[in-house]
Amino acid sequence: MGHFDSIKRDPWMVEQHYRASTHEKEQEFADPDTQALLAGPAEHRHHYRGLSRDWAHMALELAIQRYSGGEPMELVEAYVDYAFAQFARHFSAYPAASEQLRPWVADDYRLALWLLSLAVLCGYPERVGQLLGWLNQADERSPDLLLHRLFQRLGKAYPGTSLLHPEPYATLLESLDLRGPAQQDALMRYLGQWYAEAHGCYWHERHARARGDHLGYWAFEAALVAFLWSVQGDALQSAPQFYPKALVDRAHYRRLGKQFRDPETARREDAPGWPSGTPCPWPGHYTCVERALGEQVFMHQVPFPEIDGQVVHWRLSRTF
């Protein structure tokens, strides 16, 4: 086994094709003539709308290929940031609603989920708000329950009471309301059906085509849910090849959860501390704000004690 085959993350990635495809994209982005066209006067930009959109999509494809090819995560994150910069440039140059992402269209919906997932897992919280501006929310077909729940978890508002695309996302949506082994099982079911139900996507079966521009197959949205909802379990550690485990591991390593805390965690962690006599609001390990006493265990509703007859404050450091 060669070095490339030992580090690649997508089992269908072929080194020769990977090198050729990524090199071609890099050459496109370095072309000064194309750069000049896209940075040209506003009155001429309508001629290059398609080129501008293609550049943004190509930048995202390149980032995904870099991940699939086993590149270091620091480099992958840089390519993801570049892709976001290209989308930001495009949507800024073409702000009309007709250019925005259309959630009722399956490919645009999937693109929105990918961008949201990569913004979180690569540590770019400011991109979450940007993405909201790239979605066409004015159209009556836009509201979607899965997007609503995901943005809500990130402290953003997106409308939706029903699911636009039950296939394949119904199982993923179901997983948000489960906990423990049941939540892990739902994610595993989603991963098990994900590729088969993506048969209409432009990149489906691309690894078998002669053109050699395979991106890699990744259910980024499953990783997003696993990370934001803190889904635990041995099965996800050896999940099917469509689960981008390295992204989740990297996000945990960088402690990105602190940037994307759920409201209950934020409330607990940001509290200045509860004074002596207050019933413990959450079972766990607490530290005294005024005294260096180390961690103390308090159970729910047990009053916080005074120290040496003095009222002190207790702050939650970690739950059980």
Protein backbone atom coordinates (compact mmCIF):
# COMPACT_ATOMS: atom_id res chain seq x y z
CA MET A 1 0.00 0.00 0.00
CA GLY A 2 1.36 3.40 -0.99
CA HIS A 3 1.44 6.50 1.19
CA PHE A 4 -1.64 8.06 -0.43
CA ASP A 5 -3.72 4.92 0.07
CA SER A 6 -2.70 4.83 3.73
CA ILE A 7 -3.86 8.40 4.46
CA LYS A 8 -6.87 8.92 2.16
CA ARG A 9 -10.19 9.17 3.92
CA ASP A 10 -12.42 8.12 1.03
CA PRO A 11 -11.83 4.51 -0.02
CA TRP A 12 -12.68 5.19 -3.68
CA MET A 13 -10.23 8.05 -4.13
CA VAL A 14 -7.52 7.21 -6.70
CA GLU A 15 -4.26 9.09 -6.28
CA GLN A 16 -3.70 9.79 -9.99
CA HIS A 17 -7.20 11.20 -10.41
CA TYR A 18 -7.00 13.11 -7.13
CA ARG A 19 -3.74 14.82 -8.09
CA ALA A 20 -4.98 15.73 -11.56
CA SER A 21 -8.36 17.04 -10.44
CA THR A 22 -7.10 19.14 -7.53
CA HIS A 23 -4.25 20.53 -9.65
CA GLU A 24 -6.71 21.57 -12.36
CA LYS A 25 -8.86 23.41 -9.83
CA GLU A 26 -5.84 25.11 -8.29
CA GLN A 27 -4.80 26.32 -11.74
CA GLU A 28 -8.29 27.72 -12.35
CA PHE A 29 -8.20 29.72 -9.13
CA ALA A 30 -4.73 31.07 -9.96
CA ASP A 31 -5.78 32.29 -13.43
CA PRO A 32 -5.40 36.12 -13.40
CA ASP A 33 -7.73 36.59 -16.36
CA THR A 34 -10.63 34.89 -14.59
CA GLN A 35 -9.87 36.80 -11.41
CA ALA A 36 -10.02 40.06 -13.37
CA LEU A 37 -13.37 39.14 -14.91
CA LEU A 38 -14.93 38.37 -11.53
CA ALA A 39 -13.54 41.58 -10.00
CA GLY A 40 -14.61 43.73 -12.95
CA PRO A 41 -17.07 46.63 -12.99
CA ALA A 42 -20.55 45.94 -11.62
CA GLU A 43 -22.22 46.79 -14.92
CA HIS A 44 -20.38 43.90 -16.59
CA ARG A 45 -20.93 41.28 -13.90
CA HIS A 46 -24.18 39.96 -15.34
CA HIS A 47 -22.09 38.38 -18.11
CA TYR A 48 -20.18 36.27 -15.58
CA ARG A 49 -22.88 35.17 -13.14
CA GLY A 50 -22.52 31.52 -14.12
CA LEU A 51 -18.73 31.68 -13.91
CA SER A 52 -18.93 33.26 -10.47
CA ARG A 53 -21.30 30.59 -9.19
CA ASP A 54 -19.17 27.81 -10.67
CA TRP A 55 -16.06 29.18 -8.94
CA ALA A 56 -17.77 29.06 -5.55
CA HIS A 57 -18.97 25.50 -6.10
CA MET A 58 -15.55 24.47 -7.38
CA ALA A 59 -13.91 25.88 -4.26
CA LEU A 60 -16.19 23.76 -2.08
CA GLU A 61 -15.49 20.68 -4.18
CA LEU A 62 -11.76 21.29 -3.79
CA ALA A 63 -12.11 21.52 -0.01
CA ILE A 64 -14.05 18.24 0.05
CA GLN A 65 -11.47 16.57 -2.17
CA ARG A 66 -8.69 17.73 0.15
CA TYR A 67 -10.51 16.12 3.06
CA SER A 68 -11.11 12.92 1.08
CA GLY A 69 -7.46 12.77 0.04
CA GLY A 70 -6.29 12.70 3.65
CA GLU A 71 -4.72 16.15 3.78
CA PRO A 72 -3.96 17.56 7.28
CA MET A 73 -7.04 19.04 8.89
CA GLU A 74 -5.43 22.47 9.22
CA LEU A 75 -5.10 22.56 5.43
CA VAL A 76 -8.66 21.28 4.93
CA GLU A 77 -9.97 24.03 7.19
CA ALA A 78 -8.11 26.63 5.15
CA TYR A 79 -9.70 25.32 1.95
CA VAL A 80 -13.13 25.36 3.59
CA ASP A 81 -12.60 28.99 4.58
CA TYR A 82 -11.58 29.79 1.00
CA ALA A 83 -14.77 28.15 -0.26
CA PHE A 84 -16.84 30.29 2.10
CA ALA A 85 -14.98 33.37 0.86
CA GLN A 86 -15.90 32.47 -2.72
CA PHE A 87 -19.58 32.03 -1.84
CA ALA A 88 -19.51 35.32 0.07
CA ARG A 89 -17.99 37.04 -2.97
CA HIS A 90 -20.60 35.54 -5.27
CA PHE A 91 -23.65 36.35 -3.18
CA SER A 92 -22.34 39.85 -2.55
CA ALA A 93 -21.87 40.45 -6.27
CA TYR A 94 -25.27 38.90 -7.14
CA PRO A 95 -27.64 39.66 -4.26
CA ALA A 96 -30.88 39.04 -6.17
CA ALA A 97 -33.26 36.45 -4.72
CA SER A 98 -32.92 34.47 -7.93
CA GLU A 99 -29.26 33.80 -7.05
CA GLN A 100 -29.91 32.65 -3.48
CA LEU A 101 -29.99 29.01 -2.44
CA ARG A 102 -33.45 27.47 -2.86
CA PRO A 103 -34.11 25.02 -0.03
CA TRP A 104 -37.01 23.41 -1.90
CA VAL A 105 -34.49 22.23 -4.56
CA ALA A 106 -32.74 19.07 -3.38
CA ASP A 107 -29.21 20.04 -4.51
CA ASP A 108 -29.43 23.53 -2.99
CA TYR A 109 -30.80 22.05 0.23
CA ARG A 110 -27.94 19.58 0.46
CA LEU A 111 -25.46 22.37 -0.30
CA ALA A 112 -26.91 24.43 2.55
CA LEU A 113 -26.52 21.48 4.93
CA TRP A 114 -22.93 20.94 3.81
CA LEU A 115 -22.03 24.61 4.28
CA LEU A 116 -23.69 24.72 7.69
CA SER A 117 -21.92 21.53 8.77
CA LEU A 118 -18.51 22.72 7.61
CA ALA A 119 -18.97 26.15 9.20
CA VAL A 120 -19.49 24.47 12.58
CA LEU A 121 -17.05 21.56 12.32
CA CYS A 122 -14.23 23.73 10.95
CA GLY A 123 -14.78 26.45 13.54
CA TYR A 124 -16.19 29.36 11.55
CA PRO A 125 -19.19 30.56 13.61
CA GLU A 126 -19.46 33.82 11.67
CA ARG A 127 -20.24 31.83 8.53
CA VAL A 128 -23.44 30.46 10.09
CA GLY A 129 -25.04 33.89 10.00
CA GLN A 130 -23.73 34.49 6.49
CA LEU A 131 -25.34 31.29 5.28
CA LEU A 132 -28.73 32.48 6.52
CA GLY A 133 -28.39 35.44 4.18
CA TRP A 134 -27.65 33.16 1.23
CA LEU A 135 -30.88 31.20 1.65
CA ASN A 136 -33.99 32.37 -0.17
CA GLN A 137 -36.35 32.72 2.78
CA ALA A 138 -38.85 34.99 1.02
CA ASP A 139 -40.33 32.22 -1.09
CA GLU A 140 -43.28 30.37 0.42
CA ARG A 141 -41.56 27.08 -0.42
CA SER A 142 -38.55 27.85 1.80
CA PRO A 143 -39.60 26.89 5.37
CA ASP A 144 -38.13 23.60 6.54
CA LEU A 145 -38.19 21.92 9.92
CA LEU A 146 -34.70 20.39 9.81
CA LEU A 147 -33.07 23.70 8.92
CA HIS A 148 -35.21 25.35 11.59
CA ARG A 149 -33.97 22.92 14.26
CA LEU A 150 -30.32 23.12 13.21
CA PHE A 151 -30.22 26.92 13.08
CA GLN A 152 -32.18 27.10 16.32
CA ARG A 153 -29.54 24.96 18.02
CA LEU A 154 -26.98 27.51 16.80
CA GLY A 155 -28.96 30.46 18.12
CA LYS A 156 -30.32 31.55 14.74
CA ALA A 157 -33.87 31.77 13.40
CA TYR A 158 -35.09 29.94 10.31
CA PRO A 159 -38.78 29.18 9.66
CA GLY A 160 -40.18 25.68 9.36
CA THR A 161 -42.78 23.31 10.74
CA SER A 162 -42.53 20.48 8.19
CA LEU A 163 -39.73 18.68 6.36
CA LEU A 164 -39.15 19.64 2.73
CA HIS A 165 -37.24 16.48 1.81
CA PRO A 166 -38.37 13.45 3.84
CA GLU A 167 -36.06 11.25 1.78
CA PRO A 168 -33.46 10.93 3.18
CA TYR A 169 -33.68 13.47 6.01
CA ALA A 170 -36.64 12.16 8.05
CA THR A 171 -34.39 9.83 10.05
CA LEU A 172 -31.88 12.61 10.70
CA LEU A 173 -34.65 14.89 11.93
CA GLU A 174 -36.00 12.11 14.15
CA SER A 175 -32.58 11.72 15.77
CA LEU A 176 -32.71 15.26 17.17
CA ASP A 177 -35.42 14.29 19.65
CA LEU A 178 -33.75 11.08 20.82
CA ARG A 179 -31.04 10.54 23.40
CA GLY A 180 -28.57 7.83 24.31
CA PRO A 181 -28.41 4.60 22.29
CA ALA A 182 -31.64 5.44 20.44
CA GLN A 183 -30.09 8.61 19.04
CA GLN A 184 -26.97 6.77 17.96
CA ASP A 185 -29.11 4.07 16.32
CA ALA A 186 -31.05 6.70 14.37
CA LEU A 187 -27.83 8.25 13.07
CA MET A 188 -26.55 4.83 12.07
CA ARG A 189 -29.79 4.15 10.18
CA TYR A 190 -29.41 7.48 8.44
CA LEU A 191 -25.84 6.69 7.42
CA GLY A 192 -26.90 3.26 6.22
CA GLN A 193 -29.45 4.69 3.79
CA TRP A 194 -27.69 7.95 2.95
CA TYR A 195 -25.80 6.98 -0.20
CA ALA A 196 -28.61 4.96 -1.77
CA GLU A 197 -31.06 7.82 -1.27
CA ALA A 198 -28.62 10.33 -2.79
CA HIS A 199 -28.96 8.71 -6.21
CA GLY A 200 -30.20 11.94 -7.82
CA CYS A 201 -27.15 14.00 -6.86
CA TYR A 202 -24.74 15.10 -9.55
CA TRP A 203 -21.79 13.51 -7.71
CA HIS A 204 -23.46 10.11 -7.17
CA GLU A 205 -21.45 7.21 -8.63
CA ARG A 206 -18.79 9.69 -9.73
CA HIS A 207 -16.03 7.39 -8.48
CA ALA A 208 -16.94 4.98 -11.30
CA ARG A 209 -16.77 7.56 -14.08
CA ALA A 210 -13.84 7.90 -16.44
CA ARG A 211 -13.53 11.67 -15.89
CA GLY A 212 -11.75 11.09 -12.56
CA ASP A 213 -13.10 14.06 -10.57
CA HIS A 214 -14.52 12.10 -7.65
CA LEU A 215 -15.03 14.28 -4.55
CA GLY A 216 -15.60 11.70 -1.86
CA TYR A 217 -18.91 10.70 -0.31
CA TRP A 218 -19.65 12.35 3.04
CA ALA A 219 -22.81 12.83 5.09
CA PHE A 220 -21.53 16.02 6.69
CA GLU A 221 -24.93 16.74 8.21
CA ALA A 222 -24.76 13.51 10.25
CA ALA A 223 -21.46 14.67 11.70
CA LEU A 224 -23.01 18.05 12.49
CA VAL A 225 -25.80 16.41 14.48
CA ALA A 226 -23.41 14.05 16.25
CA PHE A 227 -21.25 17.00 17.29
CA LEU A 228 -23.93 19.50 18.31
CA TRP A 229 -26.07 16.94 20.13
CA SER A 230 -23.03 15.20 21.70
CA VAL A 231 -24.03 11.78 20.39
CA GLN A 232 -21.85 9.14 22.00
CA GLY A 233 -21.33 5.47 21.22
CA ASP A 234 -18.86 2.94 19.90
CA ALA A 235 -20.81 2.44 16.66
CA LEU A 236 -20.08 5.96 15.42
CA GLN A 237 -16.38 5.43 16.06
CA SER A 238 -16.44 2.69 13.41
CA ALA A 239 -19.33 4.09 11.37
CA PRO A 240 -19.82 3.52 7.64
CA GLN A 241 -17.41 5.27 5.32
CA PHE A 242 -19.85 8.12 4.71
CA TYR A 243 -19.40 9.49 8.24
CA PRO A 244 -16.62 12.17 8.31
CA LYS A 245 -15.23 11.06 11.65
CA ALA A 246 -11.99 13.04 11.30
CA LEU A 247 -13.99 16.28 11.15
CA VAL A 248 -15.82 15.47 14.38
CA ASP A 249 -12.64 14.35 16.14
CA ARG A 250 -10.90 17.54 15.09
CA ALA A 251 -13.81 19.71 16.28
CA HIS A 252 -13.70 18.01 19.68
CA TYR A 253 -9.91 18.36 19.82
CA ARG A 254 -10.23 22.12 19.16
CA ARG A 255 -13.02 22.35 21.75
CA LEU A 256 -15.27 24.01 19.22
CA GLY A 257 -18.26 23.05 21.32
CA LYS A 258 -17.57 26.19 23.37
CA GLN A 259 -18.33 28.27 20.26
CA PHE A 260 -21.58 26.43 19.63
CA ARG A 261 -22.98 25.79 23.09
CA ASP A 262 -26.59 24.76 23.47
CA PRO A 263 -28.72 27.23 25.47
CA GLU A 264 -28.81 25.09 28.63
CA THR A 265 -25.02 24.66 28.67
CA ALA A 266 -24.54 28.39 28.03
CA ARG A 267 -26.90 29.24 30.89
CA ARG A 268 -25.05 26.99 33.30
CA GLU A 269 -21.53 27.97 32.25
CA ASP A 270 -22.17 31.72 32.13
CA ALA A 271 -23.83 31.90 35.52
CA PRO A 272 -21.79 34.06 37.93
CA GLY A 273 -22.34 31.52 40.68
CA TRP A 274 -25.09 30.64 43.14
CA PRO A 275 -24.86 32.04 46.68
CA SER A 276 -24.86 29.95 49.81
CA GLY A 277 -28.34 28.75 50.71
CA THR A 278 -29.51 28.50 47.11
CA PRO A 279 -30.80 25.02 46.15
CA CYS A 280 -28.42 23.36 43.69
CA PRO A 281 -30.02 23.78 40.24
CA TRP A 282 -28.08 20.99 38.52
CA PRO A 283 -26.29 17.93 39.91
CA GLY A 284 -22.57 18.03 39.30
CA HIS A 285 -19.15 19.24 40.41
CA TYR A 286 -18.96 22.83 41.69
CA THR A 287 -16.14 25.20 42.65
CA CYS A 288 -16.30 28.07 45.11
CA VAL A 289 -15.74 31.47 43.48
CA GLU A 290 -14.20 33.10 46.56
CA ARG A 291 -12.16 30.20 47.98
CA ALA A 292 -9.77 27.73 46.38
CA LEU A 293 -11.44 24.60 47.75
CA GLY A 294 -11.31 22.36 44.70
CA GLU A 295 -14.35 20.70 43.21
CA GLN A 296 -17.26 19.76 45.46
CA VAL A 297 -20.14 17.47 44.49
CA PHE A 298 -23.70 18.74 44.99
CA MET A 299 -26.92 17.01 44.11
CA HIS A 300 -30.09 18.62 42.81
CA GLN A 301 -31.90 20.86 45.33
CA VAL A 302 -29.23 20.48 48.02
CA PRO A 303 -28.55 23.99 49.45
CA PHE A 304 -25.10 25.38 48.75
CA PRO A 305 -23.20 25.79 52.06
CA GLU A 306 -21.52 28.78 53.66
CA ILE A 307 -17.77 28.66 54.29
CA ASP A 308 -16.58 29.65 57.75
CA GLY A 309 -19.93 31.32 58.34
CA GLN A 310 -19.59 33.47 55.22
CA VAL A 311 -21.88 33.53 52.18
CA VAL A 312 -19.91 32.41 49.09
CA HIS A 313 -20.82 31.62 45.48
CA TRP A 314 -20.70 28.24 43.79
CA ARG A 315 -20.14 27.75 40.06
CA LEU A 316 -20.75 24.57 38.04
CA SER A 317 -17.49 23.22 36.60
CA ARG A 318 -18.73 19.95 35.11
CA THR A 319 -21.74 17.65 35.17
CA PHE A 320 -21.62 13.95 35.98
